[in-house]
Amino acid sequence: MGWFITRLRWITETISGESPLGLRLGGGLITVLLVGGSISAGMAIEQLSCHQLWLWPLLIIGLASALAGRSLRLAVEQVMEPLSADPPDLPQARQRLAWIVGRDVEGLPQQELLRAAAETASENGVDGLFAPLFWMLVGAMLWQVDPALPGPLALAWGFKAGSTLDSMLGYRRGRLRWLGTAGARLDDALTWLPCRLVALTLGQLGSSLRDGASDPSPNAGVSQAAYAHAVGVQLGGINHYNGQKKSKPVLNQQAKKVTAKSVNQMLGLSRRMALQWLGWSGAGLAVMTSIQ
């Protein structure tokens, strides 16, 4: 997906130049092509798997590729490892954190490194695990209704296409201010419901909606606030991006600062919730199958 986006971006910028309208139209076309192509590829594998059972391993690998829960956990744990040393190895922790966040990490003290790890675990837990899992489960239910409809792989890959577009183009600077609009809006829409279901599962829907309302993202603040209230820590504050200071809303303001234990608690919550969602969905699919 990244290879495809990079080349289509170059073509669009070459043709459109600095034209906001041309860039917006080009961004919309990139979004349609990438998301439509991803859904079509997923449906092709699903349909082939229905008739060729030996292709089921390919379907399973495709589904696994859409879930980033394990890679997120390992990435956060790699940041936590040097922070847990005695004394903490802050330069190594900063280097590892730089691989997974967009904020400036140079000179960050230990407390800010812990906060960044916690915010990554909470926000990307939704983006990388629960949102694709949600669309995968929706696809599985559609498949139960009619095998000709888009199934779990098609919808999971469609979501990942939107998420990748947002990650690569969804920035409010330069040409991306117009080129990335379509992908960013699509990603916001596809993540909106899964994000709130995560907050509901954590028992923090009301508090997360209240705290996350001031965040410019419709989902990032809500997901971070849900985890912050669930483990009883404060998130948000001042970050720096390319040397520019940016103030983020403070979430769960009266709570304690992030600790290594609270970051691990967030990772544990994600593992347990994933099992819950799979269990509930499996029960729902079993009921649908018995009714049919």
C-alpha atoms as a PDB file:
ATOM      1  CA  MET A   1       0.000   0.000   0.000  1.00  0.00           C
ATOM      2  CA  GLY A   2       2.827   2.371   0.872  1.00  0.00           C
ATOM      3  CA  TRP A   3       4.543   1.701  -2.464  1.00  0.00           C
ATOM      4  CA  PHE A   4       1.289   2.430  -4.302  1.00  0.00           C
ATOM      5  CA  ILE A   5       0.625   5.653  -2.373  1.00  0.00           C
ATOM      6  CA  THR A   6       4.149   6.950  -2.925  1.00  0.00           C
ATOM      7  CA  ARG A   7       3.953   6.572  -6.692  1.00  0.00           C
ATOM      8  CA  LEU A   8       0.442   7.952  -7.040  1.00  0.00           C
ATOM      9  CA  ARG A   9       1.408  10.903  -4.867  1.00  0.00           C
ATOM     10  CA  TRP A  10       4.323  11.690  -7.186  1.00  0.00           C
ATOM     11  CA  ILE A  11       2.058  11.517 -10.252  1.00  0.00           C
ATOM     12  CA  THR A  12      -0.587  13.720  -8.609  1.00  0.00           C
ATOM     13  CA  GLU A  13       1.860  16.372  -7.441  1.00  0.00           C
ATOM     14  CA  THR A  14       3.547  16.400 -10.857  1.00  0.00           C
ATOM     15  CA  ILE A  15       0.227  17.036 -12.608  1.00  0.00           C
ATOM     16  CA  SER A  16      -1.411  19.326 -10.047  1.00  0.00           C
ATOM     17  CA  GLY A  17       1.557  21.374  -8.909  1.00  0.00           C
ATOM     18  CA  GLU A  18       0.384  23.801  -6.212  1.00  0.00           C
ATOM     19  CA  SER A  19      -3.300  23.770  -7.199  1.00  0.00           C
ATOM     20  CA  PRO A  20      -5.428  23.034  -4.090  1.00  0.00           C
ATOM     21  CA  LEU A  21      -8.320  21.792  -6.241  1.00  0.00           C
ATOM     22  CA  GLY A  22      -6.089  19.531  -8.307  1.00  0.00           C
ATOM     23  CA  LEU A  23      -4.448  18.124  -5.181  1.00  0.00           C
ATOM     24  CA  ARG A  24      -7.814  17.489  -3.506  1.00  0.00           C
ATOM     25  CA  LEU A  25      -9.139  15.714  -6.594  1.00  0.00           C
ATOM     26  CA  GLY A  26      -5.933  13.722  -6.918  1.00  0.00           C
ATOM     27  CA  GLY A  27      -6.084  12.757  -3.250  1.00  0.00           C
ATOM     28  CA  GLY A  28      -9.661  11.618  -3.686  1.00  0.00           C
ATOM     29  CA  LEU A  29      -8.685   9.515  -6.693  1.00  0.00           C
ATOM     30  CA  ILE A  30      -5.770   7.939  -4.802  1.00  0.00           C
ATOM     31  CA  THR A  31      -8.175   7.083  -1.974  1.00  0.00           C
ATOM     32  CA  VAL A  32     -10.720   5.483  -4.305  1.00  0.00           C
ATOM     33  CA  LEU A  33      -8.072   3.476  -6.133  1.00  0.00           C
ATOM     34  CA  LEU A  34      -6.268   2.248  -3.030  1.00  0.00           C
ATOM     35  CA  VAL A  35      -9.312   1.442  -0.911  1.00  0.00           C
ATOM     36  CA  GLY A  36     -11.257  -0.006  -3.833  1.00  0.00           C
ATOM     37  CA  GLY A  37      -8.280  -2.066  -4.949  1.00  0.00           C
ATOM     38  CA  SER A  38      -7.671  -3.376  -1.418  1.00  0.00           C
ATOM     39  CA  ILE A  39     -11.303  -4.390  -0.974  1.00  0.00           C
ATOM     40  CA  SER A  40     -11.346  -6.038  -4.411  1.00  0.00           C
ATOM     41  CA  ALA A  41      -8.150  -7.976  -3.686  1.00  0.00           C
ATOM     42  CA  GLY A  42      -9.584  -9.160  -0.385  1.00  0.00           C
ATOM     43  CA  MET A  43     -12.841 -10.237  -2.018  1.00  0.00           C
ATOM     44  CA  ALA A  44     -10.924 -12.141  -4.711  1.00  0.00           C
ATOM     45  CA  ILE A  45      -9.044 -14.151  -2.083  1.00  0.00           C
ATOM     46  CA  GLU A  46     -12.276 -14.742  -0.140  1.00  0.00           C
ATOM     47  CA  GLN A  47     -14.127 -16.024  -3.201  1.00  0.00           C
ATOM     48  CA  LEU A  48     -11.250 -18.280  -4.220  1.00  0.00           C
ATOM     49  CA  SER A  49     -11.049 -19.641  -0.665  1.00  0.00           C
ATOM     50  CA  CYS A  50     -14.740 -20.559  -0.779  1.00  0.00           C
ATOM     51  CA  HIS A  51     -14.068 -22.923  -3.686  1.00  0.00           C
ATOM     52  CA  GLN A  52     -10.463 -23.938  -3.024  1.00  0.00           C
ATOM     53  CA  LEU A  53      -9.947 -25.002   0.593  1.00  0.00           C
ATOM     54  CA  TRP A  54      -6.173 -25.148   0.153  1.00  0.00           C
ATOM     55  CA  LEU A  55      -6.226 -21.349  -0.140  1.00  0.00           C
ATOM     56  CA  TRP A  56      -7.512 -20.896   3.431  1.00  0.00           C
ATOM     57  CA  PRO A  57      -3.970 -20.433   4.801  1.00  0.00           C
ATOM     58  CA  LEU A  58      -3.596 -17.460   2.441  1.00  0.00           C
ATOM     59  CA  LEU A  59      -6.856 -16.020   3.774  1.00  0.00           C
ATOM     60  CA  ILE A  60      -5.692 -16.462   7.369  1.00  0.00           C
ATOM     61  CA  ILE A  61      -2.311 -14.844   6.626  1.00  0.00           C
ATOM     62  CA  GLY A  62      -4.121 -11.940   4.988  1.00  0.00           C
ATOM     63  CA  LEU A  63      -6.322 -11.459   8.040  1.00  0.00           C
ATOM     64  CA  ALA A  64      -3.309 -11.596  10.359  1.00  0.00           C
ATOM     65  CA  SER A  65      -1.562  -8.951   8.253  1.00  0.00           C
ATOM     66  CA  ALA A  66      -4.349  -6.472   9.040  1.00  0.00           C
ATOM     67  CA  LEU A  67      -3.892  -6.732  12.828  1.00  0.00           C
ATOM     68  CA  ALA A  68      -0.949  -4.888  14.352  1.00  0.00           C
ATOM     69  CA  GLY A  69      -1.603  -5.734  17.992  1.00  0.00           C
ATOM     70  CA  ARG A  70       1.515  -7.848  18.499  1.00  0.00           C
ATOM     71  CA  SER A  71       3.850  -5.482  16.642  1.00  0.00           C
ATOM     72  CA  LEU A  72       2.486  -2.531  18.645  1.00  0.00           C
ATOM     73  CA  ARG A  73       3.026  -4.373  21.925  1.00  0.00           C
ATOM     74  CA  LEU A  74       6.579  -5.333  20.986  1.00  0.00           C
ATOM     75  CA  ALA A  75       7.384  -1.791  19.840  1.00  0.00           C
ATOM     76  CA  VAL A  76       6.162  -0.287  23.118  1.00  0.00           C
ATOM     77  CA  GLU A  77       7.944  -2.958  25.156  1.00  0.00           C
ATOM     78  CA  GLN A  78      11.197  -2.153  23.328  1.00  0.00           C
ATOM     79  CA  VAL A  79      10.874   1.444  24.495  1.00  0.00           C
ATOM     80  CA  MET A  80      10.105   0.346  28.048  1.00  0.00           C
ATOM     81  CA  GLU A  81      13.080  -2.020  28.277  1.00  0.00           C
ATOM     82  CA  PRO A  82      15.836   0.644  28.517  1.00  0.00           C
ATOM     83  CA  LEU A  83      13.603   2.744  30.788  1.00  0.00           C
ATOM     84  CA  SER A  84      13.459  -0.176  33.224  1.00  0.00           C
ATOM     85  CA  ALA A  85      17.249  -0.485  33.428  1.00  0.00           C
ATOM     86  CA  ASP A  86      19.181   0.755  36.462  1.00  0.00           C
ATOM     87  CA  PRO A  87      20.042   3.472  35.675  1.00  0.00           C
ATOM     88  CA  PRO A  88      17.569   4.091  32.808  1.00  0.00           C
ATOM     89  CA  ASP A  89      19.152   4.262  29.352  1.00  0.00           C
ATOM     90  CA  LEU A  90      17.374   7.375  28.100  1.00  0.00           C
ATOM     91  CA  PRO A  91      19.265   7.750  24.768  1.00  0.00           C
ATOM     92  CA  GLN A  92      18.333   4.216  23.722  1.00  0.00           C
ATOM     93  CA  ALA A  93      14.718   4.715  24.826  1.00  0.00           C
ATOM     94  CA  ARG A  94      14.541   7.933  22.764  1.00  0.00           C
ATOM     95  CA  GLN A  95      15.984   6.174  19.726  1.00  0.00           C
ATOM     96  CA  ARG A  96      13.441   3.365  19.940  1.00  0.00           C
ATOM     97  CA  LEU A  97      10.577   5.768  20.578  1.00  0.00           C
ATOM     98  CA  ALA A  98      11.517   7.748  17.462  1.00  0.00           C
ATOM     99  CA  TRP A  99      10.736   4.653  15.365  1.00  0.00           C
ATOM    100  CA  ILE A 100       7.058   4.668  16.362  1.00  0.00           C
ATOM    101  CA  VAL A 101       6.028   8.292  17.039  1.00  0.00           C
ATOM    102  CA  GLY A 102       5.931  11.509  15.042  1.00  0.00           C
ATOM    103  CA  ARG A 103       6.872  13.862  17.878  1.00  0.00           C
ATOM    104  CA  ASP A 104      10.400  15.129  18.510  1.00  0.00           C
ATOM    105  CA  VAL A 105      12.170  12.860  21.011  1.00  0.00           C
ATOM    106  CA  GLU A 106      15.531  14.601  21.412  1.00  0.00           C
ATOM    107  CA  GLY A 107      16.115  15.557  25.022  1.00  0.00           C
ATOM    108  CA  LEU A 108      12.869  14.044  26.356  1.00  0.00           C
ATOM    109  CA  PRO A 109      13.164  13.207  30.080  1.00  0.00           C
ATOM    110  CA  GLN A 110      12.084   9.851  31.465  1.00  0.00           C
ATOM    111  CA  GLN A 111       8.583  11.025  32.424  1.00  0.00           C
ATOM    112  CA  GLU A 112       7.888  12.341  28.932  1.00  0.00           C
ATOM    113  CA  LEU A 113       9.185   9.105  27.394  1.00  0.00           C
ATOM    114  CA  LEU A 114       6.750   7.155  29.565  1.00  0.00           C
ATOM    115  CA  ARG A 115       3.889   9.456  28.567  1.00  0.00           C
ATOM    116  CA  ALA A 116       4.733   9.038  24.877  1.00  0.00           C
ATOM    117  CA  ALA A 117       4.785   5.249  25.248  1.00  0.00           C
ATOM    118  CA  ALA A 118       1.413   5.295  27.013  1.00  0.00           C
ATOM    119  CA  GLU A 119      -0.165   7.567  24.390  1.00  0.00           C
ATOM    120  CA  THR A 120       1.157   5.326  21.621  1.00  0.00           C
ATOM    121  CA  ALA A 121      -0.179   2.198  23.324  1.00  0.00           C
ATOM    122  CA  SER A 122      -3.628   3.767  23.772  1.00  0.00           C
ATOM    123  CA  GLU A 123      -4.118   5.563  20.452  1.00  0.00           C
ATOM    124  CA  ASN A 124      -2.558   2.909  18.235  1.00  0.00           C
ATOM    125  CA  GLY A 125      -4.313   0.150  20.132  1.00  0.00           C
ATOM    126  CA  VAL A 126      -7.472   1.406  18.413  1.00  0.00           C
ATOM    127  CA  ASP A 127      -5.891   2.177  15.032  1.00  0.00           C
ATOM    128  CA  GLY A 128      -3.762  -0.937  14.773  1.00  0.00           C
ATOM    129  CA  LEU A 129      -5.865  -3.585  16.506  1.00  0.00           C
ATOM    130  CA  PHE A 130      -9.461  -2.804  17.391  1.00  0.00           C
ATOM    131  CA  ALA A 131     -10.566  -0.848  14.317  1.00  0.00           C
ATOM    132  CA  PRO A 132      -9.351  -3.484  11.813  1.00  0.00           C
ATOM    133  CA  LEU A 133     -10.697  -6.209  14.097  1.00  0.00           C
ATOM    134  CA  PHE A 134     -14.081  -4.468  14.158  1.00  0.00           C
ATOM    135  CA  TRP A 135     -14.287  -4.289  10.369  1.00  0.00           C
ATOM    136  CA  MET A 136     -13.076  -7.867  10.119  1.00  0.00           C
ATOM    137  CA  LEU A 137     -15.941  -8.973  12.354  1.00  0.00           C
ATOM    138  CA  VAL A 138     -18.448  -6.890  10.386  1.00  0.00           C
ATOM    139  CA  GLY A 139     -17.210  -8.607   7.226  1.00  0.00           C
ATOM    140  CA  ALA A 140     -17.575 -12.030   8.841  1.00  0.00           C
ATOM    141  CA  MET A 141     -21.209 -11.236   9.641  1.00  0.00           C
ATOM    142  CA  LEU A 142     -21.848 -10.016   6.081  1.00  0.00           C
ATOM    143  CA  TRP A 143     -20.343 -13.257   4.817  1.00  0.00           C
ATOM    144  CA  GLN A 144     -22.852 -15.160   6.911  1.00  0.00           C
ATOM    145  CA  VAL A 145     -25.657 -13.245   5.240  1.00  0.00           C
ATOM    146  CA  ASP A 146     -24.344 -13.675   1.684  1.00  0.00           C
ATOM    147  CA  PRO A 147     -20.919 -15.095   0.681  1.00  0.00           C
ATOM    148  CA  ALA A 148     -20.953 -12.773  -2.364  1.00  0.00           C
ATOM    149  CA  LEU A 149     -20.715  -9.704  -0.099  1.00  0.00           C
ATOM    150  CA  PRO A 150     -17.381  -8.240   1.062  1.00  0.00           C
ATOM    151  CA  GLY A 151     -16.113 -10.447   3.863  1.00  0.00           C
ATOM    152  CA  PRO A 152     -13.622 -10.103   6.723  1.00  0.00           C
ATOM    153  CA  LEU A 153     -10.486  -9.766   4.593  1.00  0.00           C
ATOM    154  CA  ALA A 154     -12.032  -7.280   2.173  1.00  0.00           C
ATOM    155  CA  LEU A 155     -13.211  -4.931   4.925  1.00  0.00           C
ATOM    156  CA  ALA A 156     -10.048  -5.323   7.016  1.00  0.00           C
ATOM    157  CA  TRP A 157      -7.847  -4.488   4.030  1.00  0.00           C
ATOM    158  CA  GLY A 158     -10.169  -1.626   3.085  1.00  0.00           C
ATOM    159  CA  PHE A 159      -9.710  -0.174   6.561  1.00  0.00           C
ATOM    160  CA  LYS A 160      -5.938  -0.665   6.467  1.00  0.00           C
ATOM    161  CA  ALA A 161      -5.849   1.181   3.141  1.00  0.00           C
ATOM    162  CA  GLY A 162      -7.606   4.184   4.711  1.00  0.00           C
ATOM    163  CA  SER A 163      -5.360   4.026   7.767  1.00  0.00           C
ATOM    164  CA  THR A 164      -2.207   3.881   5.638  1.00  0.00           C
ATOM    165  CA  LEU A 165      -3.379   6.849   3.582  1.00  0.00           C
ATOM    166  CA  ASP A 166      -3.870   8.846   6.774  1.00  0.00           C
ATOM    167  CA  SER A 167      -0.443   7.819   8.106  1.00  0.00           C
ATOM    168  CA  MET A 168       1.361   8.834   4.914  1.00  0.00           C
ATOM    169  CA  LEU A 169      -0.645  11.783   3.642  1.00  0.00           C
ATOM    170  CA  GLY A 170      -2.834  13.007   6.506  1.00  0.00           C
ATOM    171  CA  TYR A 171      -0.774  16.010   7.595  1.00  0.00           C
ATOM    172  CA  ARG A 172      -1.786  19.663   7.675  1.00  0.00           C
ATOM    173  CA  ARG A 173       1.299  21.046   5.994  1.00  0.00           C
ATOM    174  CA  GLY A 174       2.379  21.904   2.472  1.00  0.00           C
ATOM    175  CA  ARG A 175       0.620  20.112  -0.353  1.00  0.00           C
ATOM    176  CA  LEU A 176      -0.583  17.406   2.024  1.00  0.00           C
ATOM    177  CA  ARG A 177      -3.043  19.918   3.468  1.00  0.00           C
ATOM    178  CA  TRP A 178      -5.134  19.227   0.337  1.00  0.00           C
ATOM    179  CA  LEU A 179      -3.721  15.963  -1.000  1.00  0.00           C
ATOM    180  CA  GLY A 180      -4.317  14.039   2.216  1.00  0.00           C
ATOM    181  CA  THR A 181      -7.813  15.333   3.012  1.00  0.00           C
ATOM    182  CA  ALA A 182      -9.807  12.438   1.521  1.00  0.00           C
ATOM    183  CA  GLY A 183      -7.726   9.711   3.155  1.00  0.00           C
ATOM    184  CA  ALA A 184      -7.711  11.446   6.547  1.00  0.00           C
ATOM    185  CA  ARG A 185     -11.485  11.970   6.538  1.00  0.00           C
ATOM    186  CA  LEU A 186     -12.082   8.367   5.516  1.00  0.00           C
ATOM    187  CA  ASP A 187      -9.823   7.081   8.296  1.00  0.00           C
ATOM    188  CA  ASP A 188     -11.637   9.280  10.838  1.00  0.00           C
ATOM    189  CA  ALA A 189     -14.989   7.883   9.714  1.00  0.00           C
ATOM    190  CA  LEU A 190     -13.881   4.236   9.726  1.00  0.00           C
ATOM    191  CA  THR A 191     -12.308   4.550  13.192  1.00  0.00           C
ATOM    192  CA  TRP A 192     -15.132   6.544  14.818  1.00  0.00           C
ATOM    193  CA  LEU A 193     -17.344   3.637  15.940  1.00  0.00           C
ATOM    194  CA  PRO A 194     -14.576   1.164  16.908  1.00  0.00           C
ATOM    195  CA  CYS A 195     -12.949   3.885  19.019  1.00  0.00           C
ATOM    196  CA  ARG A 196     -16.124   4.449  20.991  1.00  0.00           C
ATOM    197  CA  LEU A 197     -16.742   0.725  21.358  1.00  0.00           C
ATOM    198  CA  VAL A 198     -13.285   0.428  22.933  1.00  0.00           C
ATOM    199  CA  ALA A 199     -14.176   3.201  25.380  1.00  0.00           C
ATOM    200  CA  LEU A 200     -17.466   1.439  26.127  1.00  0.00           C
ATOM    201  CA  THR A 201     -15.721  -1.904  26.683  1.00  0.00           C
ATOM    202  CA  LEU A 202     -13.348  -0.200  29.113  1.00  0.00           C
ATOM    203  CA  GLY A 203     -16.320   1.302  30.949  1.00  0.00           C
ATOM    204  CA  GLN A 204     -15.071   4.834  30.219  1.00  0.00           C
ATOM    205  CA  LEU A 205     -17.337   6.071  27.410  1.00  0.00           C
ATOM    206  CA  GLY A 206     -18.680   9.152  29.203  1.00  0.00           C
ATOM    207  CA  SER A 207     -15.351  10.339  30.598  1.00  0.00           C
ATOM    208  CA  SER A 208     -13.473   9.683  27.359  1.00  0.00           C
ATOM    209  CA  LEU A 209     -16.013  11.595  25.262  1.00  0.00           C
ATOM    210  CA  ARG A 210     -15.849  14.505  27.695  1.00  0.00           C
ATOM    211  CA  ASP A 211     -12.046  14.669  27.841  1.00  0.00           C
ATOM    212  CA  GLY A 212     -11.500  13.871  24.161  1.00  0.00           C
ATOM    213  CA  ALA A 213     -13.910  16.541  22.895  1.00  0.00           C
ATOM    214  CA  SER A 214     -11.215  19.230  22.858  1.00  0.00           C
ATOM    215  CA  ASP A 215      -8.783  17.176  20.776  1.00  0.00           C
ATOM    216  CA  PRO A 216      -8.682  18.192  17.085  1.00  0.00           C
ATOM    217  CA  SER A 217      -8.853  14.510  16.134  1.00  0.00           C
ATOM    218  CA  PRO A 218     -12.313  12.933  16.526  1.00  0.00           C
ATOM    219  CA  ASN A 219     -10.742   9.676  17.717  1.00  0.00           C
ATOM    220  CA  ALA A 220      -7.224  10.111  19.142  1.00  0.00           C
ATOM    221  CA  GLY A 221      -8.311  12.051  22.212  1.00  0.00           C
ATOM    222  CA  VAL A 222     -11.196   9.683  22.912  1.00  0.00           C
ATOM    223  CA  SER A 223      -9.044   6.545  22.718  1.00  0.00           C
ATOM    224  CA  GLN A 224      -6.275   8.025  24.858  1.00  0.00           C
ATOM    225  CA  ALA A 225      -8.770   9.310  27.419  1.00  0.00           C
ATOM    226  CA  ALA A 226     -10.444   5.893  27.676  1.00  0.00           C
ATOM    227  CA  TYR A 227      -7.164   4.183  28.556  1.00  0.00           C
ATOM    228  CA  ALA A 228      -6.060   7.054  30.802  1.00  0.00           C
ATOM    229  CA  HIS A 229      -9.202   6.773  32.925  1.00  0.00           C
ATOM    230  CA  ALA A 230      -9.106   2.961  32.877  1.00  0.00           C
ATOM    231  CA  VAL A 231      -5.637   2.815  34.464  1.00  0.00           C
ATOM    232  CA  GLY A 232      -5.866   6.099  36.403  1.00  0.00           C
ATOM    233  CA  VAL A 233      -3.145   8.220  34.773  1.00  0.00           C
ATOM    234  CA  GLN A 234      -2.861  11.635  33.154  1.00  0.00           C
ATOM    235  CA  LEU A 235      -2.074  11.933  29.450  1.00  0.00           C
ATOM    236  CA  GLY A 236      -1.678  14.845  27.059  1.00  0.00           C
ATOM    237  CA  GLY A 237       0.277  18.074  27.383  1.00  0.00           C
ATOM    238  CA  ILE A 238       2.920  19.770  25.278  1.00  0.00           C
ATOM    239  CA  ASN A 239       4.626  17.938  22.408  1.00  0.00           C
ATOM    240  CA  HIS A 240       7.044  19.209  19.780  1.00  0.00           C
ATOM    241  CA  TYR A 241       6.851  18.335  16.077  1.00  0.00           C
ATOM    242  CA  ASN A 242       9.706  19.434  13.800  1.00  0.00           C
ATOM    243  CA  GLY A 243      10.690  21.958  16.427  1.00  0.00           C
ATOM    244  CA  GLN A 244       7.189  23.429  16.688  1.00  0.00           C
ATOM    245  CA  LYS A 245       5.415  23.344  20.060  1.00  0.00           C
ATOM    246  CA  LYS A 246       1.922  21.892  20.051  1.00  0.00           C
ATOM    247  CA  SER A 247      -0.351  21.758  23.088  1.00  0.00           C
ATOM    248  CA  LYS A 248      -2.530  18.670  23.364  1.00  0.00           C
ATOM    249  CA  PRO A 249      -5.546  18.513  25.720  1.00  0.00           C
ATOM    250  CA  VAL A 250      -4.702  17.185  29.177  1.00  0.00           C
ATOM    251  CA  LEU A 251      -6.711  14.013  29.776  1.00  0.00           C
ATOM    252  CA  ASN A 252      -7.774  12.790  33.241  1.00  0.00           C
ATOM    253  CA  GLN A 253      -6.173  15.926  34.655  1.00  0.00           C
ATOM    254  CA  GLN A 254      -6.394  15.073  38.359  1.00  0.00           C
ATOM    255  CA  ALA A 255      -4.747  11.661  38.017  1.00  0.00           C
ATOM    256  CA  LYS A 256      -1.127  10.660  38.654  1.00  0.00           C
ATOM    257  CA  LYS A 257       1.644  10.750  36.074  1.00  0.00           C
ATOM    258  CA  VAL A 258       2.345   7.764  33.837  1.00  0.00           C
ATOM    259  CA  THR A 259       4.488   4.975  35.272  1.00  0.00           C
ATOM    260  CA  ALA A 260       6.028   1.893  33.680  1.00  0.00           C
ATOM    261  CA  LYS A 261       3.370  -0.159  35.431  1.00  0.00           C
ATOM    262  CA  SER A 262       0.522   1.837  33.888  1.00  0.00           C
ATOM    263  CA  VAL A 263       1.965   1.403  30.370  1.00  0.00           C
ATOM    264  CA  ASN A 264       2.056  -2.359  30.906  1.00  0.00           C
ATOM    265  CA  GLN A 265      -1.504  -2.195  32.240  1.00  0.00           C
ATOM    266  CA  MET A 266      -2.626  -0.553  28.986  1.00  0.00           C
ATOM    267  CA  LEU A 267      -1.009  -3.309  26.936  1.00  0.00           C
ATOM    268  CA  GLY A 268      -2.694  -5.911  29.130  1.00  0.00           C
ATOM    269  CA  LEU A 269      -6.077  -4.231  28.719  1.00  0.00           C
ATOM    270  CA  SER A 270      -5.721  -4.408  24.936  1.00  0.00           C
ATOM    271  CA  ARG A 271      -4.956  -8.136  25.047  1.00  0.00           C
ATOM    272  CA  ARG A 272      -7.944  -8.867  27.262  1.00  0.00           C
ATOM    273  CA  MET A 273     -10.308  -6.705  25.205  1.00  0.00           C
ATOM    274  CA  ALA A 274      -9.249  -8.408  21.987  1.00  0.00           C
ATOM    275  CA  LEU A 275     -10.153 -11.779  23.505  1.00  0.00           C
ATOM    276  CA  GLN A 276     -13.467 -10.345  24.714  1.00  0.00           C
ATOM    277  CA  TRP A 277     -14.365  -9.003  21.288  1.00  0.00           C
ATOM    278  CA  LEU A 278     -13.464 -12.296  19.627  1.00  0.00           C
ATOM    279  CA  GLY A 279     -15.489 -14.246  22.184  1.00  0.00           C
ATOM    280  CA  TRP A 280     -18.570 -12.060  21.825  1.00  0.00           C
ATOM    281  CA  SER A 281     -18.332 -12.088  18.038  1.00  0.00           C
ATOM    282  CA  GLY A 282     -17.859 -15.853  17.931  1.00  0.00           C
ATOM    283  CA  ALA A 283     -20.998 -16.269  20.023  1.00  0.00           C
ATOM    284  CA  GLY A 284     -22.894 -13.891  17.715  1.00  0.00           C
ATOM    285  CA  LEU A 285     -21.787 -15.739  14.593  1.00  0.00           C
ATOM    286  CA  ALA A 286     -22.776 -19.053  16.177  1.00  0.00           C
ATOM    287  CA  VAL A 287     -26.259 -17.686  16.864  1.00  0.00           C
ATOM    288  CA  MET A 288     -26.557 -16.393  13.269  1.00  0.00           C
ATOM    289  CA  THR A 289     -25.473 -19.775  11.908  1.00  0.00           C
ATOM    290  CA  SER A 290     -27.978 -21.655  14.060  1.00  0.00           C
ATOM    291  CA  ILE A 291     -30.808 -19.339  12.937  1.00  0.00           C
ATOM    292  CA  GLN A 292     -29.960 -19.944   9.277  1.00  0.00           C
END
